[in-house]
Amino acid sequence: MESDMTAGTFRKMALGYPHAVESAHMNHPDFRIDGKIFATLGYPDDDRGMVKLTPEQQRSFVREAPDVFDPCSGSWGRQGATNVHLPAAKKSVVRAALDSAFQNVTAKGKKKSS
């Protein structure tokens, strides 16, 4: 089986983190911890999610799985916002990216460094 990653699976994984809630931003679902977005779904299309990585993490994920990850456009992408092509992704890779995004957002709430 090539991929078992769907938008529903991504949503379930994102909501599995402690205190994660689903909200909406610019007409697509997002996932937040303490009001801070760590992932979104459905932008720029229904086959994509986004994870909020650091630029270093983004380079690593893109290098390891270029068919799955690519930087979002503009300054968001330069800051680490990374598209996830769900049909090309494996759960384990998406889990690792979501773990990083979750840790990035929760770490920023505890201390002011990256």
PDB file of N, CA and C in Angstrom:
ATOM      1  N   MET A   1       0.845  -1.177   0.000  1.00  0.00           N
ATOM      2  CA  MET A   1       0.000   0.000   0.000  1.00  0.00           C
ATOM      3  C   MET A   1       0.889   1.237   0.000  1.00  0.00           C
ATOM      4  N   GLU A   2       0.653   2.145  -0.939  1.00  0.00           N
ATOM      5  CA  GLU A   2       1.514   3.316  -1.081  1.00  0.00           C
ATOM      6  C   GLU A   2       1.253   4.359  -0.003  1.00  0.00           C
ATOM      7  N   SER A   3       0.006   4.728   0.202  1.00  0.00           N
ATOM      8  CA  SER A   3      -0.296   5.742   1.203  1.00  0.00           C
ATOM      9  C   SER A   3      -1.622   5.449   1.868  1.00  0.00           C
ATOM     10  N   ASP A   4      -1.640   5.642   3.178  1.00  0.00           N
ATOM     11  CA  ASP A   4      -2.902   5.529   3.899  1.00  0.00           C
ATOM     12  C   ASP A   4      -3.217   6.872   4.555  1.00  0.00           C
ATOM     13  N   MET A   5      -2.580   7.927   4.043  1.00  0.00           N
ATOM     14  CA  MET A   5      -2.779   9.254   4.615  1.00  0.00           C
ATOM     15  C   MET A   5      -3.884   9.987   3.865  1.00  0.00           C
ATOM     16  N   THR A   6      -4.903  10.359   4.620  1.00  0.00           N
ATOM     17  CA  THR A   6      -6.023  11.131   4.081  1.00  0.00           C
ATOM     18  C   THR A   6      -6.183  12.375   4.957  1.00  0.00           C
ATOM     19  N   ALA A   7      -7.034  13.278   4.518  1.00  0.00           N
ATOM     20  CA  ALA A   7      -7.318  14.451   5.336  1.00  0.00           C
ATOM     21  C   ALA A   7      -7.906  14.032   6.693  1.00  0.00           C
ATOM     22  N   GLY A   8      -8.748  13.009   6.677  1.00  0.00           N
ATOM     23  CA  GLY A   8      -9.335  12.526   7.927  1.00  0.00           C
ATOM     24  C   GLY A   8      -8.294  11.956   8.875  1.00  0.00           C
ATOM     25  N   THR A   9      -7.341  11.238   8.334  1.00  0.00           N
ATOM     26  CA  THR A   9      -6.263  10.683   9.157  1.00  0.00           C
ATOM     27  C   THR A   9      -5.392  11.804   9.712  1.00  0.00           C
ATOM     28  N   PHE A  10      -5.059  12.783   8.865  1.00  0.00           N
ATOM     29  CA  PHE A  10      -4.266  13.938   9.304  1.00  0.00           C
ATOM     30  C   PHE A  10      -4.979  14.649  10.453  1.00  0.00           C
ATOM     31  N   ARG A  11      -6.290  14.873  10.290  1.00  0.00           N
ATOM     32  CA  ARG A  11      -7.099  15.549  11.324  1.00  0.00           C
ATOM     33  C   ARG A  11      -7.052  14.756  12.630  1.00  0.00           C
ATOM     34  N   LYS A  12      -7.266  13.460  12.537  1.00  0.00           N
ATOM     35  CA  LYS A  12      -7.274  12.616  13.740  1.00  0.00           C
ATOM     36  C   LYS A  12      -5.912  12.651  14.433  1.00  0.00           C
ATOM     37  N   MET A  13      -4.838  12.603  13.655  1.00  0.00           N
ATOM     38  CA  MET A  13      -3.495  12.650  14.233  1.00  0.00           C
ATOM     39  C   MET A  13      -3.257  14.000  14.913  1.00  0.00           C
ATOM     40  N   ALA A  14      -3.623  15.100  14.244  1.00  0.00           N
ATOM     41  CA  ALA A  14      -3.401  16.436  14.801  1.00  0.00           C
ATOM     42  C   ALA A  14      -4.189  16.638  16.089  1.00  0.00           C
ATOM     43  N   LEU A  15      -5.413  16.115  16.128  1.00  0.00           N
ATOM     44  CA  LEU A  15      -6.248  16.274  17.324  1.00  0.00           C
ATOM     45  C   LEU A  15      -5.855  15.321  18.443  1.00  0.00           C
ATOM     46  N   GLY A  16      -4.919  14.413  18.169  1.00  0.00           N
ATOM     47  CA  GLY A  16      -4.461  13.471  19.180  1.00  0.00           C
ATOM     48  C   GLY A  16      -3.477  14.060  20.177  1.00  0.00           C
ATOM     49  N   TYR A  17      -2.987  15.266  19.915  1.00  0.00           N
ATOM     50  CA  TYR A  17      -2.035  15.895  20.833  1.00  0.00           C
ATOM     51  C   TYR A  17      -2.781  16.506  22.011  1.00  0.00           C
ATOM     52  N   PRO A  18      -2.140  16.509  23.186  1.00  0.00           N
ATOM     53  CA  PRO A  18      -2.797  17.074  24.371  1.00  0.00           C
ATOM     54  C   PRO A  18      -3.228  18.523  24.128  1.00  0.00           C
ATOM     55  N   HIS A  19      -4.470  18.822  24.439  1.00  0.00           N
ATOM     56  CA  HIS A  19      -5.048  20.168  24.361  1.00  0.00           C
ATOM     57  C   HIS A  19      -5.207  20.700  22.931  1.00  0.00           C
ATOM     58  N   ALA A  20      -5.015  19.859  21.921  1.00  0.00           N
ATOM     59  CA  ALA A  20      -5.190  20.307  20.535  1.00  0.00           C
ATOM     60  C   ALA A  20      -6.673  20.511  20.252  1.00  0.00           C
ATOM     61  N   VAL A  21      -6.963  21.589  19.544  1.00  0.00           N
ATOM     62  CA  VAL A  21      -8.339  21.872  19.137  1.00  0.00           C
ATOM     63  C   VAL A  21      -8.359  22.223  17.656  1.00  0.00           C
ATOM     64  N   GLU A  22      -9.483  21.927  17.026  1.00  0.00           N
ATOM     65  CA  GLU A  22      -9.669  22.322  15.633  1.00  0.00           C
ATOM     66  C   GLU A  22     -10.394  23.651  15.594  1.00  0.00           C
ATOM     67  N   SER A  23      -9.914  24.538  14.755  1.00  0.00           N
ATOM     68  CA  SER A  23     -10.530  25.831  14.542  1.00  0.00           C
ATOM     69  C   SER A  23     -10.542  26.065  13.033  1.00  0.00           C
ATOM     70  N   ALA A  24     -10.605  27.307  12.600  1.00  0.00           N
ATOM     71  CA  ALA A  24     -10.564  27.601  11.175  1.00  0.00           C
ATOM     72  C   ALA A  24      -9.814  28.894  10.952  1.00  0.00           C
ATOM     73  N   HIS A  25      -9.095  28.930   9.852  1.00  0.00           N
ATOM     74  CA  HIS A  25      -8.315  30.102   9.478  1.00  0.00           C
ATOM     75  C   HIS A  25      -8.413  30.259   7.973  1.00  0.00           C
ATOM     76  N   MET A  26      -8.857  31.395   7.507  1.00  0.00           N
ATOM     77  CA  MET A  26      -8.982  31.657   6.069  1.00  0.00           C
ATOM     78  C   MET A  26      -9.749  30.545   5.342  1.00  0.00           C
ATOM     79  N   ASN A  27     -10.850  30.128   5.940  1.00  0.00           N
ATOM     80  CA  ASN A  27     -11.775  29.154   5.352  1.00  0.00           C
ATOM     81  C   ASN A  27     -11.227  27.743   5.210  1.00  0.00           C
ATOM     82  N   HIS A  28     -10.220  27.386   5.983  1.00  0.00           N
ATOM     83  CA  HIS A  28      -9.813  25.985   6.028  1.00  0.00           C
ATOM     84  C   HIS A  28      -9.483  25.606   7.471  1.00  0.00           C
ATOM     85  N   PRO A  29      -9.609  24.300   7.792  1.00  0.00           N
ATOM     86  CA  PRO A  29      -9.403  23.855   9.168  1.00  0.00           C
ATOM     87  C   PRO A  29      -7.955  24.060   9.613  1.00  0.00           C
ATOM     88  N   ASP A  30      -7.806  24.441  10.888  1.00  0.00           N
ATOM     89  CA  ASP A  30      -6.474  24.469  11.466  1.00  0.00           C
ATOM     90  C   ASP A  30      -6.508  23.784  12.826  1.00  0.00           C
ATOM     91  N   PHE A  31      -5.325  23.497  13.327  1.00  0.00           N
ATOM     92  CA  PHE A  31      -5.173  22.781  14.591  1.00  0.00           C
ATOM     93  C   PHE A  31      -4.263  23.611  15.472  1.00  0.00           C
ATOM     94  N   ARG A  32      -4.729  23.847  16.705  1.00  0.00           N
ATOM     95  CA  ARG A  32      -4.062  24.796  17.593  1.00  0.00           C
ATOM     96  C   ARG A  32      -3.827  24.206  18.975  1.00  0.00           C
ATOM     97  N   ILE A  33      -2.789  24.756  19.591  1.00  0.00           N
ATOM     98  CA  ILE A  33      -2.501  24.527  21.001  1.00  0.00           C
ATOM     99  C   ILE A  33      -2.425  25.910  21.633  1.00  0.00           C
ATOM    100  N   ASP A  34      -3.201  26.156  22.669  1.00  0.00           N
ATOM    101  CA  ASP A  34      -3.209  27.461  23.337  1.00  0.00           C
ATOM    102  C   ASP A  34      -3.342  28.609  22.334  1.00  0.00           C
ATOM    103  N   GLY A  35      -4.181  28.436  21.330  1.00  0.00           N
ATOM    104  CA  GLY A  35      -4.434  29.475  20.355  1.00  0.00           C
ATOM    105  C   GLY A  35      -3.403  29.593  19.246  1.00  0.00           C
ATOM    106  N   LYS A  36      -2.339  28.791  19.298  1.00  0.00           N
ATOM    107  CA  LYS A  36      -1.269  28.860  18.293  1.00  0.00           C
ATOM    108  C   LYS A  36      -1.414  27.728  17.279  1.00  0.00           C
ATOM    109  N   ILE A  37      -1.437  28.084  16.000  1.00  0.00           N
ATOM    110  CA  ILE A  37      -1.580  27.097  14.927  1.00  0.00           C
ATOM    111  C   ILE A  37      -0.298  26.283  14.786  1.00  0.00           C
ATOM    112  N   PHE A  38      -0.450  24.940  14.730  1.00  0.00           N
ATOM    113  CA  PHE A  38       0.704  24.094  14.430  1.00  0.00           C
ATOM    114  C   PHE A  38       0.507  23.302  13.147  1.00  0.00           C
ATOM    115  N   ALA A  39      -0.732  23.242  12.639  1.00  0.00           N
ATOM    116  CA  ALA A  39      -1.002  22.521  11.394  1.00  0.00           C
ATOM    117  C   ALA A  39      -2.325  23.016  10.809  1.00  0.00           C
ATOM    118  N   THR A  40      -2.479  22.850   9.488  1.00  0.00           N
ATOM    119  CA  THR A  40      -3.736  23.167   8.822  1.00  0.00           C
ATOM    120  C   THR A  40      -4.042  22.087   7.797  1.00  0.00           C
ATOM    121  N   LEU A  41      -5.253  22.127   7.285  1.00  0.00           N
ATOM    122  CA  LEU A  41      -5.703  21.197   6.244  1.00  0.00           C
ATOM    123  C   LEU A  41      -6.366  21.973   5.112  1.00  0.00           C
ATOM    124  N   GLY A  42      -6.256  21.426   3.895  1.00  0.00           N
ATOM    125  CA  GLY A  42      -7.067  21.917   2.791  1.00  0.00           C
ATOM    126  C   GLY A  42      -6.571  23.146   2.070  1.00  0.00           C
ATOM    127  N   TYR A  43      -5.317  23.502   2.241  1.00  0.00           N
ATOM    128  CA  TYR A  43      -4.781  24.631   1.497  1.00  0.00           C
ATOM    129  C   TYR A  43      -3.401  24.265   0.980  1.00  0.00           C
ATOM    130  N   PRO A  44      -3.093  24.485  -0.274  1.00  0.00           N
ATOM    131  CA  PRO A  44      -3.896  25.175  -1.286  1.00  0.00           C
ATOM    132  C   PRO A  44      -4.969  24.304  -1.929  1.00  0.00           C
ATOM    133  N   ASP A  45      -5.012  23.005  -1.609  1.00  0.00           N
ATOM    134  CA  ASP A  45      -6.081  22.145  -2.136  1.00  0.00           C
ATOM    135  C   ASP A  45      -6.395  21.057  -1.120  1.00  0.00           C
ATOM    136  N   ASP A  46      -7.413  20.257  -1.415  1.00  0.00           N
ATOM    137  CA  ASP A  46      -7.888  19.251  -0.462  1.00  0.00           C
ATOM    138  C   ASP A  46      -6.905  18.111  -0.222  1.00  0.00           C
ATOM    139  N   ASP A  47      -5.889  17.983  -1.076  1.00  0.00           N
ATOM    140  CA  ASP A  47      -4.891  16.921  -0.910  1.00  0.00           C
ATOM    141  C   ASP A  47      -3.709  17.353  -0.056  1.00  0.00           C
ATOM    142  N   ARG A  48      -3.795  18.526   0.533  1.00  0.00           N
ATOM    143  CA  ARG A  48      -2.643  19.047   1.282  1.00  0.00           C
ATOM    144  C   ARG A  48      -2.983  19.436   2.711  1.00  0.00           C
ATOM    145  N   GLY A  49      -1.964  19.294   3.527  1.00  0.00           N
ATOM    146  CA  GLY A  49      -1.969  19.836   4.878  1.00  0.00           C
ATOM    147  C   GLY A  49      -0.772  20.758   4.978  1.00  0.00           C
ATOM    148  N   MET A  50      -0.609  21.386   6.138  1.00  0.00           N
ATOM    149  CA  MET A  50       0.555  22.224   6.398  1.00  0.00           C
ATOM    150  C   MET A  50       0.996  21.964   7.823  1.00  0.00           C
ATOM    151  N   VAL A  51       2.306  21.920   8.009  1.00  0.00           N
ATOM    152  CA  VAL A  51       2.879  21.821   9.342  1.00  0.00           C
ATOM    153  C   VAL A  51       3.804  23.017   9.544  1.00  0.00           C
ATOM    154  N   LYS A  52       3.822  23.532  10.754  1.00  0.00           N
ATOM    155  CA  LYS A  52       4.618  24.718  11.079  1.00  0.00           C
ATOM    156  C   LYS A  52       5.961  24.244  11.652  1.00  0.00           C
ATOM    157  N   LEU A  53       6.952  24.188  10.785  1.00  0.00           N
ATOM    158  CA  LEU A  53       8.283  23.727  11.158  1.00  0.00           C
ATOM    159  C   LEU A  53       9.241  24.905  11.285  1.00  0.00           C
ATOM    160  N   THR A  54      10.427  24.644  11.787  1.00  0.00           N
ATOM    161  CA  THR A  54      11.490  25.642  11.701  1.00  0.00           C
ATOM    162  C   THR A  54      12.084  25.530  10.297  1.00  0.00           C
ATOM    163  N   PRO A  55      12.782  26.556   9.817  1.00  0.00           N
ATOM    164  CA  PRO A  55      13.419  26.437   8.500  1.00  0.00           C
ATOM    165  C   PRO A  55      14.376  25.237   8.408  1.00  0.00           C
ATOM    166  N   GLU A  56      15.083  24.938   9.482  1.00  0.00           N
ATOM    167  CA  GLU A  56      16.001  23.789   9.487  1.00  0.00           C
ATOM    168  C   GLU A  56      15.243  22.474   9.377  1.00  0.00           C
ATOM    169  N   GLN A  57      14.169  22.344  10.148  1.00  0.00           N
ATOM    170  CA  GLN A  57      13.349  21.134  10.071  1.00  0.00           C
ATOM    171  C   GLN A  57      12.751  21.002   8.680  1.00  0.00           C
ATOM    172  N   GLN A  58      12.293  22.106   8.126  1.00  0.00           N
ATOM    173  CA  GLN A  58      11.706  22.089   6.792  1.00  0.00           C
ATOM    174  C   GLN A  58      12.708  21.542   5.776  1.00  0.00           C
ATOM    175  N   ARG A  59      13.937  22.047   5.799  1.00  0.00           N
ATOM    176  CA  ARG A  59      14.956  21.562   4.860  1.00  0.00           C
ATOM    177  C   ARG A  59      15.177  20.065   5.018  1.00  0.00           C
ATOM    178  N   SER A  60      15.191  19.592   6.236  1.00  0.00           N
ATOM    179  CA  SER A  60      15.396  18.166   6.496  1.00  0.00           C
ATOM    180  C   SER A  60      14.237  17.324   5.948  1.00  0.00           C
ATOM    181  N   PHE A  61      12.999  17.722   6.233  1.00  0.00           N
ATOM    182  CA  PHE A  61      11.844  16.966   5.737  1.00  0.00           C
ATOM    183  C   PHE A  61      11.776  16.994   4.213  1.00  0.00           C
ATOM    184  N   VAL A  62      12.036  18.146   3.604  1.00  0.00           N
ATOM    185  CA  VAL A  62      12.009  18.252   2.140  1.00  0.00           C
ATOM    186  C   VAL A  62      13.098  17.376   1.532  1.00  0.00           C
ATOM    187  N   ARG A  63      14.265  17.364   2.142  1.00  0.00           N
ATOM    188  CA  ARG A  63      15.379  16.546   1.636  1.00  0.00           C
ATOM    189  C   ARG A  63      15.046  15.053   1.734  1.00  0.00           C
ATOM    190  N   GLU A  64      14.435  14.651   2.841  1.00  0.00           N
ATOM    191  CA  GLU A  64      14.132  13.233   3.066  1.00  0.00           C
ATOM    192  C   GLU A  64      12.930  12.739   2.268  1.00  0.00           C
ATOM    193  N   ALA A  65      11.965  13.611   2.009  1.00  0.00           N
ATOM    194  CA  ALA A  65      10.737  13.184   1.307  1.00  0.00           C
ATOM    195  C   ALA A  65      10.244  14.317   0.403  1.00  0.00           C
ATOM    196  N   PRO A  66      10.976  14.600  -0.691  1.00  0.00           N
ATOM    197  CA  PRO A  66      10.604  15.728  -1.561  1.00  0.00           C
ATOM    198  C   PRO A  66       9.262  15.556  -2.260  1.00  0.00           C
ATOM    199  N   ASP A  67       8.768  14.324  -2.374  1.00  0.00           N
ATOM    200  CA  ASP A  67       7.455  14.097  -2.990  1.00  0.00           C
ATOM    201  C   ASP A  67       6.316  14.389  -2.009  1.00  0.00           C
ATOM    202  N   VAL A  68       6.651  14.526  -0.718  1.00  0.00           N
ATOM    203  CA  VAL A  68       5.644  14.749   0.316  1.00  0.00           C
ATOM    204  C   VAL A  68       5.661  16.201   0.798  1.00  0.00           C
ATOM    205  N   PHE A  69       6.843  16.762   1.017  1.00  0.00           N
ATOM    206  CA  PHE A  69       6.978  18.077   1.637  1.00  0.00           C
ATOM    207  C   PHE A  69       7.528  19.114   0.673  1.00  0.00           C
ATOM    208  N   ASP A  70       6.973  20.328   0.737  1.00  0.00           N
ATOM    209  CA  ASP A  70       7.560  21.458   0.032  1.00  0.00           C
ATOM    210  C   ASP A  70       7.194  22.733   0.779  1.00  0.00           C
ATOM    211  N   PRO A  71       8.075  23.732   0.740  1.00  0.00           N
ATOM    212  CA  PRO A  71       7.799  24.973   1.466  1.00  0.00           C
ATOM    213  C   PRO A  71       6.541  25.664   0.941  1.00  0.00           C
ATOM    214  N   CYS A  72       5.777  26.248   1.840  1.00  0.00           N
ATOM    215  CA  CYS A  72       4.660  27.093   1.427  1.00  0.00           C
ATOM    216  C   CYS A  72       5.242  28.309   0.709  1.00  0.00           C
ATOM    217  N   SER A  73       4.413  28.995  -0.053  1.00  0.00           N
ATOM    218  CA  SER A  73       4.910  30.139  -0.812  1.00  0.00           C
ATOM    219  C   SER A  73       5.156  31.341   0.099  1.00  0.00           C
ATOM    220  N   GLY A  74       6.023  32.228  -0.356  1.00  0.00           N
ATOM    221  CA  GLY A  74       6.248  33.499   0.311  1.00  0.00           C
ATOM    222  C   GLY A  74       6.963  33.407   1.647  1.00  0.00           C
ATOM    223  N   SER A  75       6.739  34.431   2.467  1.00  0.00           N
ATOM    224  CA  SER A  75       7.461  34.519   3.730  1.00  0.00           C
ATOM    225  C   SER A  75       7.066  33.416   4.707  1.00  0.00           C
ATOM    226  N   TRP A  76       5.824  32.941   4.629  1.00  0.00           N
ATOM    227  CA  TRP A  76       5.425  31.823   5.500  1.00  0.00           C
ATOM    228  C   TRP A  76       6.322  30.618   5.249  1.00  0.00           C
ATOM    229  N   GLY A  77       6.538  30.316   3.983  1.00  0.00           N
ATOM    230  CA  GLY A  77       7.401  29.189   3.637  1.00  0.00           C
ATOM    231  C   GLY A  77       8.829  29.403   4.079  1.00  0.00           C
ATOM    232  N   ARG A  78       9.339  30.610   3.926  1.00  0.00           N
ATOM    233  CA  ARG A  78      10.712  30.901   4.365  1.00  0.00           C
ATOM    234  C   ARG A  78      10.846  30.782   5.873  1.00  0.00           C
ATOM    235  N   GLN A  79       9.752  30.970   6.599  1.00  0.00           N
ATOM    236  CA  GLN A  79       9.774  30.854   8.057  1.00  0.00           C
ATOM    237  C   GLN A  79       9.543  29.416   8.525  1.00  0.00           C
ATOM    238  N   GLY A  80       9.292  28.489   7.596  1.00  0.00           N
ATOM    239  CA  GLY A  80       9.159  27.085   7.969  1.00  0.00           C
ATOM    240  C   GLY A  80       7.814  26.447   7.694  1.00  0.00           C
ATOM    241  N   ALA A  81       6.811  27.221   7.303  1.00  0.00           N
ATOM    242  CA  ALA A  81       5.509  26.626   6.980  1.00  0.00           C
ATOM    243  C   ALA A  81       5.695  25.693   5.779  1.00  0.00           C
ATOM    244  N   THR A  82       5.272  24.444   5.951  1.00  0.00           N
ATOM    245  CA  THR A  82       5.599  23.396   4.990  1.00  0.00           C
ATOM    246  C   THR A  82       4.349  22.646   4.554  1.00  0.00           C
ATOM    247  N   ASN A  83       4.108  22.590   3.242  1.00  0.00           N
ATOM    248  CA  ASN A  83       2.998  21.811   2.692  1.00  0.00           C
ATOM    249  C   ASN A  83       3.291  20.326   2.802  1.00  0.00           C
ATOM    250  N   VAL A  84       2.235  19.551   3.051  1.00  0.00           N
ATOM    251  CA  VAL A  84       2.312  18.095   3.103  1.00  0.00           C
ATOM    252  C   VAL A  84       1.364  17.559   2.033  1.00  0.00           C
ATOM    253  N   HIS A  85       1.906  16.858   1.037  1.00  0.00           N
ATOM    254  CA  HIS A  85       1.073  16.253  -0.009  1.00  0.00           C
ATOM    255  C   HIS A  85       0.572  14.914   0.536  1.00  0.00           C
ATOM    256  N   LEU A  86      -0.649  14.896   1.020  1.00  0.00           N
ATOM    257  CA  LEU A  86      -1.182  13.749   1.759  1.00  0.00           C
ATOM    258  C   LEU A  86      -1.182  12.446   0.963  1.00  0.00           C
ATOM    259  N   PRO A  87      -1.622  12.413  -0.309  1.00  0.00           N
ATOM    260  CA  PRO A  87      -1.656  11.132  -1.020  1.00  0.00           C
ATOM    261  C   PRO A  87      -0.277  10.478  -1.175  1.00  0.00           C
ATOM    262  N   ALA A  88       0.794  11.264  -1.115  1.00  0.00           N
ATOM    263  CA  ALA A  88       2.148  10.719  -1.267  1.00  0.00           C
ATOM    264  C   ALA A  88       2.775  10.342   0.072  1.00  0.00           C
ATOM    265  N   ALA A  89       2.110  10.652   1.172  1.00  0.00           N
ATOM    266  CA  ALA A  89       2.716  10.534   2.503  1.00  0.00           C
ATOM    267  C   ALA A  89       2.398   9.219   3.200  1.00  0.00           C
ATOM    268  N   LYS A  90       3.341   8.801   4.019  1.00  0.00           N
ATOM    269  CA  LYS A  90       3.128   7.682   4.937  1.00  0.00           C
ATOM    270  C   LYS A  90       2.828   8.260   6.314  1.00  0.00           C
ATOM    271  N   LYS A  91       2.036   7.527   7.090  1.00  0.00           N
ATOM    272  CA  LYS A  91       1.669   7.998   8.425  1.00  0.00           C
ATOM    273  C   LYS A  91       2.883   8.323   9.273  1.00  0.00           C
ATOM    274  N   SER A  92       3.911   7.492   9.208  1.00  0.00           N
ATOM    275  CA  SER A  92       5.076   7.694  10.069  1.00  0.00           C
ATOM    276  C   SER A  92       5.781   9.013   9.774  1.00  0.00           C
ATOM    277  N   VAL A  93       5.845   9.393   8.496  1.00  0.00           N
ATOM    278  CA  VAL A  93       6.494  10.648   8.100  1.00  0.00           C
ATOM    279  C   VAL A  93       5.645  11.839   8.542  1.00  0.00           C
ATOM    280  N   VAL A  94       4.340  11.738   8.355  1.00  0.00           N
ATOM    281  CA  VAL A  94       3.454  12.812   8.778  1.00  0.00           C
ATOM    282  C   VAL A  94       3.458  12.927  10.299  1.00  0.00           C
ATOM    283  N   ARG A  95       3.487  11.807  10.995  1.00  0.00           N
ATOM    284  CA  ARG A  95       3.560  11.831  12.468  1.00  0.00           C
ATOM    285  C   ARG A  95       4.817  12.574  12.919  1.00  0.00           C
ATOM    286  N   ALA A  96       5.951  12.306  12.295  1.00  0.00           N
ATOM    287  CA  ALA A  96       7.199  12.984  12.660  1.00  0.00           C
ATOM    288  C   ALA A  96       7.095  14.489  12.425  1.00  0.00           C
ATOM    289  N   ALA A  97       6.493  14.882  11.309  1.00  0.00           N
ATOM    290  CA  ALA A  97       6.340  16.307  11.004  1.00  0.00           C
ATOM    291  C   ALA A  97       5.372  16.977  11.991  1.00  0.00           C
ATOM    292  N   LEU A  98       4.262  16.312  12.294  1.00  0.00           N
ATOM    293  CA  LEU A  98       3.317  16.855  13.272  1.00  0.00           C
ATOM    294  C   LEU A  98       3.956  16.939  14.655  1.00  0.00           C
ATOM    295  N   ASP A  99       4.739  15.931  15.030  1.00  0.00           N
ATOM    296  CA  ASP A  99       5.448  15.971  16.317  1.00  0.00           C
ATOM    297  C   ASP A  99       6.325  17.210  16.399  1.00  0.00           C
ATOM    298  N   SER A 100       7.082  17.477  15.326  1.00  0.00           N
ATOM    299  CA  SER A 100       7.963  18.646  15.304  1.00  0.00           C
ATOM    300  C   SER A 100       7.157  19.933  15.405  1.00  0.00           C
ATOM    301  N   ALA A 101       6.079  20.033  14.633  1.00  0.00           N
ATOM    302  CA  ALA A 101       5.250  21.238  14.643  1.00  0.00           C
ATOM    303  C   ALA A 101       4.637  21.467  16.024  1.00  0.00           C
ATOM    304  N   PHE A 102       4.133  20.406  16.634  1.00  0.00           N
ATOM    305  CA  PHE A 102       3.544  20.493  17.969  1.00  0.00           C
ATOM    306  C   PHE A 102       4.595  20.962  18.977  1.00  0.00           C
ATOM    307  N   GLN A 103       5.777  20.362  18.936  1.00  0.00           N
ATOM    308  CA  GLN A 103       6.845  20.738  19.867  1.00  0.00           C
ATOM    309  C   GLN A 103       7.293  22.179  19.647  1.00  0.00           C
ATOM    310  N   ASN A 104       7.348  22.614  18.390  1.00  0.00           N
ATOM    311  CA  ASN A 104       7.741  23.994  18.103  1.00  0.00           C
ATOM    312  C   ASN A 104       6.774  24.982  18.749  1.00  0.00           C
ATOM    313  N   VAL A 105       5.489  24.727  18.613  1.00  0.00           N
ATOM    314  CA  VAL A 105       4.476  25.648  19.145  1.00  0.00           C
ATOM    315  C   VAL A 105       4.446  25.599  20.670  1.00  0.00           C
ATOM    316  N   THR A 106       4.559  24.420  21.254  1.00  0.00           N
ATOM    317  CA  THR A 106       4.505  24.330  22.717  1.00  0.00           C
ATOM    318  C   THR A 106       5.787  24.858  23.344  1.00  0.00           C
ATOM    319  N   ALA A 107       6.925  24.688  22.708  1.00  0.00           N
ATOM    320  CA  ALA A 107       8.187  25.206  23.235  1.00  0.00           C
ATOM    321  C   ALA A 107       8.200  26.718  23.246  1.00  0.00           C
ATOM    322  N   LYS A 108       7.606  27.352  22.215  1.00  0.00           N
ATOM    323  CA  LYS A 108       7.583  28.806  22.133  1.00  0.00           C
ATOM    324  C   LYS A 108       6.742  29.392  23.267  1.00  0.00           C
ATOM    325  N   GLY A 109       5.751  28.642  23.725  1.00  0.00           N
ATOM    326  CA  GLY A 109       4.935  29.138  24.829  1.00  0.00           C
ATOM    327  C   GLY A 109       5.663  29.106  26.165  1.00  0.00           C
ATOM    328  N   LYS A 110       6.653  28.226  26.282  1.00  0.00           N
ATOM    329  CA  LYS A 110       7.384  28.074  27.535  1.00  0.00           C
ATOM    330  C   LYS A 110       8.599  28.984  27.634  1.00  0.00           C
ATOM    331  N   LYS A 111       9.235  29.244  26.484  1.00  0.00           N
ATOM    332  CA  LYS A 111      10.425  30.095  26.470  1.00  0.00           C
ATOM    333  C   LYS A 111      10.476  30.851  25.163  1.00  0.00           C
ATOM    334  N   LYS A 112      11.158  31.941  25.135  1.00  0.00           N
ATOM    335  CA  LYS A 112      11.210  32.782  23.939  1.00  0.00           C
ATOM    336  C   LYS A 112      12.470  32.504  23.126  1.00  0.00           C
ATOM    337  N   SER A 113      12.648  31.255  22.697  1.00  0.00           N
ATOM    338  CA  SER A 113      13.739  30.921  21.783  1.00  0.00           C
ATOM    339  C   SER A 113      13.293  29.790  20.906  1.00  0.00           C
ATOM    340  N   SER A 114      14.007  29.562  19.798  1.00  0.00           N
ATOM    341  CA  SER A 114      13.549  28.529  18.868  1.00  0.00           C
ATOM    342  C   SER A 114      14.356  27.279  18.940  1.00  0.00           C
TER     343      SER A 114
END
